[in-house]
Amino acid sequence: MLRMLAAAVLFLLAFTAAHAEVPVPQLMAERLDAGESARLESDLTARLAANPGDDQLRFALGATQFIRTVEGLSQDMYRYGLQTPHGVEMMLPFFRFPVPLNPKPEQLDYDKMRAVFQRALTGFEKSDATLAGMGTADVKLPLAIGLVRLDLDGNGVATEQESLFALFNATLGGNTIPKEAGEKFAISFDRGDASWLRGYSNLLSALIDFLLAHDGKASFDVSAQMLFPNAGLPLAVLDRQGRTRDQYFDMAPAADILAAIHIRHSGSHSHDALARHRSGLDEVRPHPSRDHRGHEPRKLALHTGRNRRRGGVDPLTAPEEWRHRRRAGDAGDG
């Protein structure tokens, strides 16, 4: 009888230990090191639902949602065969992903490109909404960031070449940083980083809102082949014929950029989206609590509204009256 009781107790202890919740930093490390960001988001969402006041959980989930959004944007760029020409990437912030070459990209058009940015916008807003619920408790979230892996091409496997260290080493490090250094690169994120991430999410959302608020089809149709040369775009054949062998002086991208500027037609798709764009810029600031040193965070908002109003008229809500006042030379400040 005693043996059976002892065996039952040991089994219960082993079962409990096996199913005990792994600490959040350990869970993030295990999932992200394996490239399992979707599984990590699911786990953290379930935990936060059971513990909505846990700021460490909320920070971890918001950061994971941000990572998943970046990963999804990269997968979309790979899907359509992104190949950003040398020198152009510095001018186009959303087309800098070091994605591998896609031998069979899907066909792309303007509506599909808008859908890519709409998905990204939804993801960044989701991350910001999660982080917005953080309270005032101190937060620490240590993470060996160099080991984090992303599935950049959407094939379901995040390889060592898709780790953040490998990407950094290939793009900015000149492939000169030892692998051991990347493995040891760890950061203990805190509340200041959560505030920064909220500001950055709002900045990216505002930029996307601005793109989606305008009709850029004409410019897209004459220049998108510069970025997606094998995605079945009508003018891609002209780019292929105009390519030069000199990787530092390729006339085709220059011609595409000039064509996009020359034919630019950016009529507004939505005044609501323009209003969201300005609101997003106004929200590019840290969470209004003290940082990890106990200091009030510096406001990073870009208050564009004051400089754009005329006589108290907002150009986003009353564009016709604003233009009339502008023509009349009314430089009043609202």
Protein backbone atom coordinates (compact mmCIF):
# COMPACT_ATOMS: atom_id res chain seq x y z
CA MET A 1 0.00 0.00 0.00
CA LEU A 2 2.80 2.42 0.94
CA ARG A 3 4.63 1.57 -2.27
CA MET A 4 1.55 2.33 -4.35
CA LEU A 5 1.03 5.62 -2.50
CA ALA A 6 4.69 6.59 -2.98
CA ALA A 7 4.50 5.72 -6.68
CA ALA A 8 1.35 7.82 -7.06
CA VAL A 9 3.02 10.79 -5.33
CA LEU A 10 6.11 10.51 -7.52
CA PHE A 11 3.96 10.31 -10.65
CA LEU A 12 1.99 13.35 -9.58
CA LEU A 13 5.17 15.33 -8.92
CA ALA A 14 6.66 14.33 -12.26
CA PHE A 15 3.44 15.20 -14.10
CA THR A 16 3.24 18.59 -12.39
CA ALA A 17 6.85 19.41 -13.16
CA ALA A 18 6.44 18.40 -16.79
CA HIS A 19 3.44 20.65 -17.20
CA ALA A 20 4.60 23.60 -15.12
CA GLU A 21 4.65 26.86 -17.03
CA VAL A 22 8.03 27.67 -18.48
CA PRO A 23 9.18 31.21 -17.52
CA VAL A 24 8.36 33.78 -20.21
CA PRO A 25 11.99 34.57 -21.18
CA GLN A 26 12.76 30.86 -21.51
CA LEU A 27 9.63 30.28 -23.57
CA MET A 28 10.52 33.14 -25.91
CA ALA A 29 14.08 31.89 -26.29
CA GLU A 30 12.98 28.33 -27.07
CA ARG A 31 10.31 29.31 -29.58
CA LEU A 32 12.20 32.11 -31.36
CA ASP A 33 15.45 30.16 -31.52
CA ALA A 34 13.47 27.45 -33.31
CA GLY A 35 11.72 29.94 -35.59
CA GLU A 36 8.32 29.17 -34.08
CA SER A 37 6.92 32.68 -33.78
CA ALA A 38 3.34 31.61 -34.56
CA ARG A 39 3.40 28.99 -31.82
CA LEU A 40 4.93 31.51 -29.43
CA GLU A 41 2.17 34.05 -30.12
CA SER A 42 -0.46 31.38 -29.46
CA ASP A 43 1.18 30.37 -26.17
CA LEU A 44 1.56 33.94 -24.95
CA THR A 45 -1.98 34.87 -25.96
CA ALA A 46 -3.36 32.01 -23.88
CA ARG A 47 -1.22 32.95 -20.90
CA LEU A 48 -2.15 36.61 -21.07
CA ALA A 49 -5.84 35.74 -21.24
CA ALA A 50 -5.39 33.96 -17.90
CA ASN A 51 -3.17 36.70 -16.43
CA PRO A 52 -4.19 40.03 -18.06
CA GLY A 53 -2.29 42.09 -15.47
CA ASP A 54 1.09 40.49 -16.15
CA ASP A 55 3.12 43.22 -17.89
CA GLN A 56 6.00 40.90 -18.72
CA LEU A 57 3.59 38.63 -20.59
CA ARG A 58 2.01 41.60 -22.33
CA PHE A 59 5.40 42.99 -23.38
CA ALA A 60 6.46 39.58 -24.66
CA LEU A 61 3.23 39.16 -26.66
CA GLY A 62 3.39 42.66 -28.16
CA ALA A 63 7.02 42.13 -29.19
CA THR A 64 6.16 38.73 -30.68
CA GLN A 65 3.30 40.24 -32.67
CA PHE A 66 5.70 42.88 -34.00
CA ILE A 67 8.21 40.18 -34.98
CA ARG A 68 5.49 38.16 -36.70
CA THR A 69 4.41 41.23 -38.67
CA VAL A 70 7.95 41.82 -39.90
CA GLU A 71 8.25 38.12 -40.73
CA GLY A 72 4.97 38.20 -42.66
CA LEU A 73 6.02 41.29 -44.62
CA SER A 74 9.26 39.56 -45.54
CA GLN A 75 7.36 36.47 -46.70
CA ASP A 76 5.14 38.62 -48.90
CA MET A 77 8.19 40.27 -50.44
CA TYR A 78 9.70 36.86 -51.14
CA ARG A 79 6.39 35.61 -52.58
CA TYR A 80 6.59 38.23 -55.33
CA GLY A 81 10.35 37.94 -55.84
CA LEU A 82 11.73 41.13 -54.31
CA GLN A 83 15.13 42.12 -55.76
CA THR A 84 15.95 45.64 -54.65
CA PRO A 85 18.69 47.18 -56.85
CA HIS A 86 21.90 48.31 -55.22
CA GLY A 87 21.60 51.81 -53.82
CA VAL A 88 17.81 51.96 -54.07
CA GLU A 89 17.16 50.19 -50.76
CA MET A 90 18.14 53.28 -48.78
CA MET A 91 15.27 55.21 -50.36
CA LEU A 92 12.59 52.56 -49.84
CA PRO A 93 12.21 51.53 -46.18
CA PHE A 94 9.77 48.64 -46.73
CA PHE A 95 11.81 47.00 -49.50
CA ARG A 96 15.09 46.34 -47.69
CA PHE A 97 14.47 42.74 -46.63
CA PRO A 98 17.45 40.50 -47.43
CA VAL A 99 15.16 37.77 -48.72
CA PRO A 100 16.63 34.90 -50.74
CA LEU A 101 16.04 34.79 -54.48
CA ASN A 102 12.65 33.33 -55.37
CA PRO A 103 13.04 31.26 -58.56
CA LYS A 104 9.26 31.21 -59.20
CA PRO A 105 7.61 34.35 -57.81
CA GLU A 106 3.87 34.81 -57.97
CA GLN A 107 2.32 37.37 -60.29
CA LEU A 108 1.96 40.82 -58.73
CA ASP A 109 -0.33 43.77 -59.38
CA TYR A 110 -1.19 47.01 -57.61
CA ASP A 111 -4.10 45.60 -55.61
CA LYS A 112 -1.95 42.73 -54.32
CA MET A 113 0.74 45.20 -53.28
CA ARG A 114 -1.84 47.22 -51.35
CA ALA A 115 -2.99 44.01 -49.65
CA VAL A 116 0.60 43.35 -48.53
CA PHE A 117 0.76 46.71 -46.79
CA GLN A 118 -2.72 46.33 -45.33
CA ARG A 119 -1.68 43.07 -43.67
CA ALA A 120 1.42 44.74 -42.27
CA LEU A 121 -0.62 47.68 -40.98
CA THR A 122 -3.01 45.31 -39.20
CA GLY A 123 -0.06 43.54 -37.57
CA PHE A 124 1.67 46.70 -36.34
CA GLU A 125 -1.61 48.04 -34.94
CA LYS A 126 -2.22 44.73 -33.17
CA SER A 127 1.21 44.89 -31.53
CA ASP A 128 0.66 48.49 -30.44
CA ALA A 129 -2.76 47.67 -28.98
CA THR A 130 -1.25 44.88 -26.90
CA LEU A 131 1.58 47.05 -25.59
CA ALA A 132 -0.85 49.89 -24.84
CA GLY A 133 -2.37 47.78 -22.07
CA MET A 134 0.84 47.69 -20.03
CA GLY A 135 0.64 49.10 -16.52
CA THR A 136 3.41 50.70 -14.48
CA ALA A 137 5.21 47.64 -13.10
CA ASP A 138 8.92 47.17 -13.80
CA VAL A 139 9.54 44.79 -16.69
CA LYS A 140 12.61 42.78 -17.64
CA LEU A 141 12.70 40.55 -20.69
CA PRO A 142 16.15 39.07 -21.39
CA LEU A 143 16.64 37.62 -24.86
CA ALA A 144 19.61 36.35 -26.87
CA ILE A 145 18.51 38.32 -29.89
CA GLY A 146 21.21 37.03 -32.22
CA LEU A 147 19.76 33.51 -32.04
CA VAL A 148 16.25 34.54 -33.07
CA ARG A 149 15.24 32.95 -36.36
CA LEU A 150 12.62 34.16 -38.84
CA ASP A 151 11.01 32.23 -41.65
CA LEU A 152 11.78 34.90 -44.24
CA ASP A 153 10.66 32.92 -47.30
CA GLY A 154 7.56 31.31 -45.78
CA ASN A 155 8.62 27.73 -46.45
CA GLY A 156 7.81 26.66 -42.89
CA VAL A 157 11.45 26.28 -41.84
CA ALA A 158 13.60 28.97 -40.20
CA THR A 159 17.21 28.08 -40.98
CA GLU A 160 20.42 29.27 -39.36
CA GLN A 161 20.90 31.59 -42.35
CA GLU A 162 17.63 33.27 -41.36
CA SER A 163 18.76 34.13 -37.84
CA LEU A 164 18.94 37.80 -36.88
CA PHE A 165 22.69 37.48 -36.37
CA ALA A 166 23.20 36.02 -39.84
CA LEU A 167 21.08 38.76 -41.40
CA PHE A 168 22.91 41.50 -39.51
CA ASN A 169 26.28 40.00 -40.37
CA ALA A 170 25.43 39.72 -44.06
CA THR A 171 23.89 43.20 -44.45
CA LEU A 172 25.78 45.44 -42.03
CA GLY A 173 28.61 43.35 -40.66
CA GLY A 174 30.25 42.51 -43.96
CA ASN A 175 30.32 38.84 -42.90
CA THR A 176 33.20 39.64 -40.56
CA ILE A 177 31.52 39.05 -37.18
CA PRO A 178 32.34 35.67 -35.58
CA LYS A 179 29.38 33.39 -35.03
CA GLU A 180 30.26 33.08 -31.33
CA ALA A 181 29.80 36.82 -30.90
CA GLY A 182 26.31 36.62 -32.35
CA GLU A 183 25.37 33.78 -30.05
CA LYS A 184 26.46 35.79 -27.02
CA PHE A 185 24.62 38.94 -28.08
CA ALA A 186 21.84 39.24 -25.49
CA ILE A 187 19.71 42.19 -24.42
CA SER A 188 17.66 42.61 -21.27
CA PHE A 189 14.68 44.58 -22.60
CA ASP A 190 12.78 46.82 -20.16
CA ARG A 191 9.91 49.29 -20.07
CA GLY A 192 11.89 51.86 -22.05
CA ASP A 193 12.17 49.35 -24.90
CA ALA A 194 8.42 48.68 -24.74
CA SER A 195 7.81 52.42 -25.11
CA TRP A 196 10.24 52.61 -28.04
CA LEU A 197 8.53 49.67 -29.73
CA ARG A 198 5.16 51.39 -29.44
CA GLY A 199 6.59 54.53 -31.00
CA TYR A 200 8.22 52.59 -33.82
CA SER A 201 5.01 50.64 -34.50
CA ASN A 202 3.11 53.92 -34.75
CA LEU A 203 5.72 55.37 -37.10
CA LEU A 204 5.56 52.37 -39.45
CA SER A 205 1.76 52.36 -39.30
CA ALA A 206 1.68 56.06 -40.18
CA LEU A 207 3.94 55.52 -43.19
CA ILE A 208 1.76 52.66 -44.43
CA ASP A 209 -1.40 54.69 -43.82
CA PHE A 210 0.05 57.43 -46.01
CA LEU A 211 0.76 54.93 -48.80
CA LEU A 212 -2.70 53.38 -48.60
CA ALA A 213 -4.41 56.78 -48.44
CA HIS A 214 -3.24 57.64 -51.96
CA ASP A 215 -3.84 56.13 -55.37
CA GLY A 216 -0.36 55.17 -56.53
CA LYS A 217 -1.36 52.79 -59.31
CA ALA A 218 0.07 54.88 -62.15
CA SER A 219 3.49 55.12 -60.50
CA PHE A 220 3.38 51.44 -59.52
CA ASP A 221 2.60 50.32 -63.07
CA VAL A 222 5.67 52.06 -64.52
CA SER A 223 8.21 51.34 -61.78
CA ALA A 224 7.38 48.22 -59.72
CA GLN A 225 9.40 45.98 -62.05
CA MET A 226 12.47 47.67 -60.58
CA LEU A 227 11.76 45.78 -57.33
CA PHE A 228 9.91 42.71 -58.63
CA PRO A 229 11.50 41.94 -62.02
CA ASN A 230 10.02 38.45 -62.41
CA ALA A 231 6.51 38.98 -61.03
CA GLY A 232 4.79 39.27 -64.40
CA LEU A 233 4.63 43.05 -64.48
CA PRO A 234 4.00 44.54 -67.95
CA LEU A 235 7.14 46.68 -68.20
CA ALA A 236 9.57 44.13 -66.77
CA VAL A 237 10.82 43.29 -70.25
CA LEU A 238 12.07 46.86 -70.67
CA ASP A 239 14.06 46.64 -67.46
CA ARG A 240 15.70 43.40 -68.56
CA GLN A 241 16.70 44.95 -71.87
CA GLY A 242 18.10 48.04 -70.13
CA ARG A 243 20.21 46.28 -67.51
CA THR A 244 23.91 47.04 -67.44
CA ARG A 245 26.72 44.84 -66.17
CA ASP A 246 27.96 47.48 -63.73
CA GLN A 247 26.18 46.77 -60.42
CA TYR A 248 26.98 50.30 -59.22
CA PHE A 249 25.52 52.11 -62.22
CA ASP A 250 22.36 50.47 -63.52
CA MET A 251 20.30 52.78 -65.72
CA ALA A 252 17.12 50.72 -65.48
CA PRO A 253 16.29 51.56 -61.82
CA ALA A 254 17.11 55.20 -62.46
CA ALA A 255 14.73 55.23 -65.42
CA ASP A 256 12.02 53.54 -63.34
CA ILE A 257 12.36 56.11 -60.56
CA LEU A 258 12.17 58.99 -63.05
CA ALA A 259 9.11 57.42 -64.67
CA ALA A 260 7.39 57.01 -61.30
CA ILE A 261 8.02 60.67 -60.44
CA HIS A 262 7.04 61.93 -63.89
CA ILE A 263 3.73 60.05 -64.05
CA ARG A 264 2.97 60.42 -60.35
CA HIS A 265 -0.74 60.63 -59.66
CA SER A 266 -1.58 60.36 -55.99
CA GLY A 267 -5.23 61.23 -55.65
CA SER A 268 -6.60 60.46 -52.21
CA HIS A 269 -8.18 57.05 -51.68
CA SER A 270 -9.44 58.01 -48.23
CA HIS A 271 -9.43 61.13 -46.09
CA ASP A 272 -9.89 58.81 -43.10
CA ALA A 273 -6.58 57.12 -43.90
CA LEU A 274 -4.88 60.51 -44.14
CA ALA A 275 -6.29 61.43 -40.75
CA ARG A 276 -4.98 58.14 -39.33
CA HIS A 277 -1.59 58.94 -40.86
CA ARG A 278 -1.35 62.21 -38.97
CA SER A 279 -2.73 60.63 -35.81
CA GLY A 280 -0.09 57.91 -36.08
CA LEU A 281 2.67 60.49 -36.30
CA ASP A 282 1.24 62.26 -33.26
CA GLU A 283 1.49 58.94 -31.41
CA VAL A 284 5.19 58.40 -32.21
CA ARG A 285 6.14 58.80 -28.58
CA PRO A 286 6.91 56.50 -25.67
CA HIS A 287 4.33 55.19 -23.23
CA PRO A 288 3.63 58.05 -20.78
CA SER A 289 5.30 56.44 -17.79
CA ARG A 290 8.80 56.70 -16.41
CA ASP A 291 11.59 54.75 -18.03
CA HIS A 292 13.87 52.24 -16.31
CA ARG A 293 15.98 55.09 -14.86
CA GLY A 294 12.94 56.81 -13.35
CA HIS A 295 13.00 59.66 -15.86
CA GLU A 296 10.07 61.05 -17.78
CA PRO A 297 10.49 59.87 -21.39
CA ARG A 298 11.24 62.50 -24.01
CA LYS A 299 8.27 63.15 -26.25
CA LEU A 300 8.87 62.07 -29.81
CA ALA A 301 5.60 63.17 -31.37
CA LEU A 302 5.69 64.94 -34.70
CA HIS A 303 2.98 67.58 -34.38
CA THR A 304 2.33 68.22 -38.05
CA GLY A 305 -1.17 69.61 -37.60
CA ARG A 306 -0.07 73.01 -36.27
CA ASN A 307 2.12 73.70 -39.27
CA ARG A 308 -0.43 72.55 -41.84
CA ARG A 309 -3.53 74.44 -40.68
CA ARG A 310 -4.60 77.76 -42.19
CA GLY A 311 -6.96 80.01 -40.27
CA GLY A 312 -7.89 77.12 -38.02
CA VAL A 313 -8.92 74.93 -40.98
CA ASP A 314 -7.60 71.36 -41.04
CA PRO A 315 -6.53 70.26 -44.57
CA LEU A 316 -7.57 66.68 -43.85
CA THR A 317 -11.11 67.35 -42.69
CA ALA A 318 -11.87 70.37 -44.89
CA PRO A 319 -9.50 70.21 -47.89
CA GLU A 320 -11.50 72.50 -50.18
CA GLU A 321 -11.72 75.34 -47.65
CA TRP A 322 -8.05 74.87 -46.77
CA ARG A 323 -7.03 75.20 -50.42
CA HIS A 324 -9.23 78.28 -50.79
CA ARG A 325 -7.56 79.93 -47.79
CA ARG A 326 -4.15 78.96 -49.12
CA ARG A 327 -4.85 80.60 -52.46
CA ALA A 328 -6.13 83.67 -50.64
CA GLY A 329 -2.84 83.89 -48.76
CA ASP A 330 -4.31 83.29 -45.30
CA ALA A 331 -1.38 82.07 -43.20
CA GLY A 332 -3.25 81.97 -39.89
CA ASP A 333 -2.24 79.32 -37.42
CA GLY A 334 -4.93 77.05 -35.87
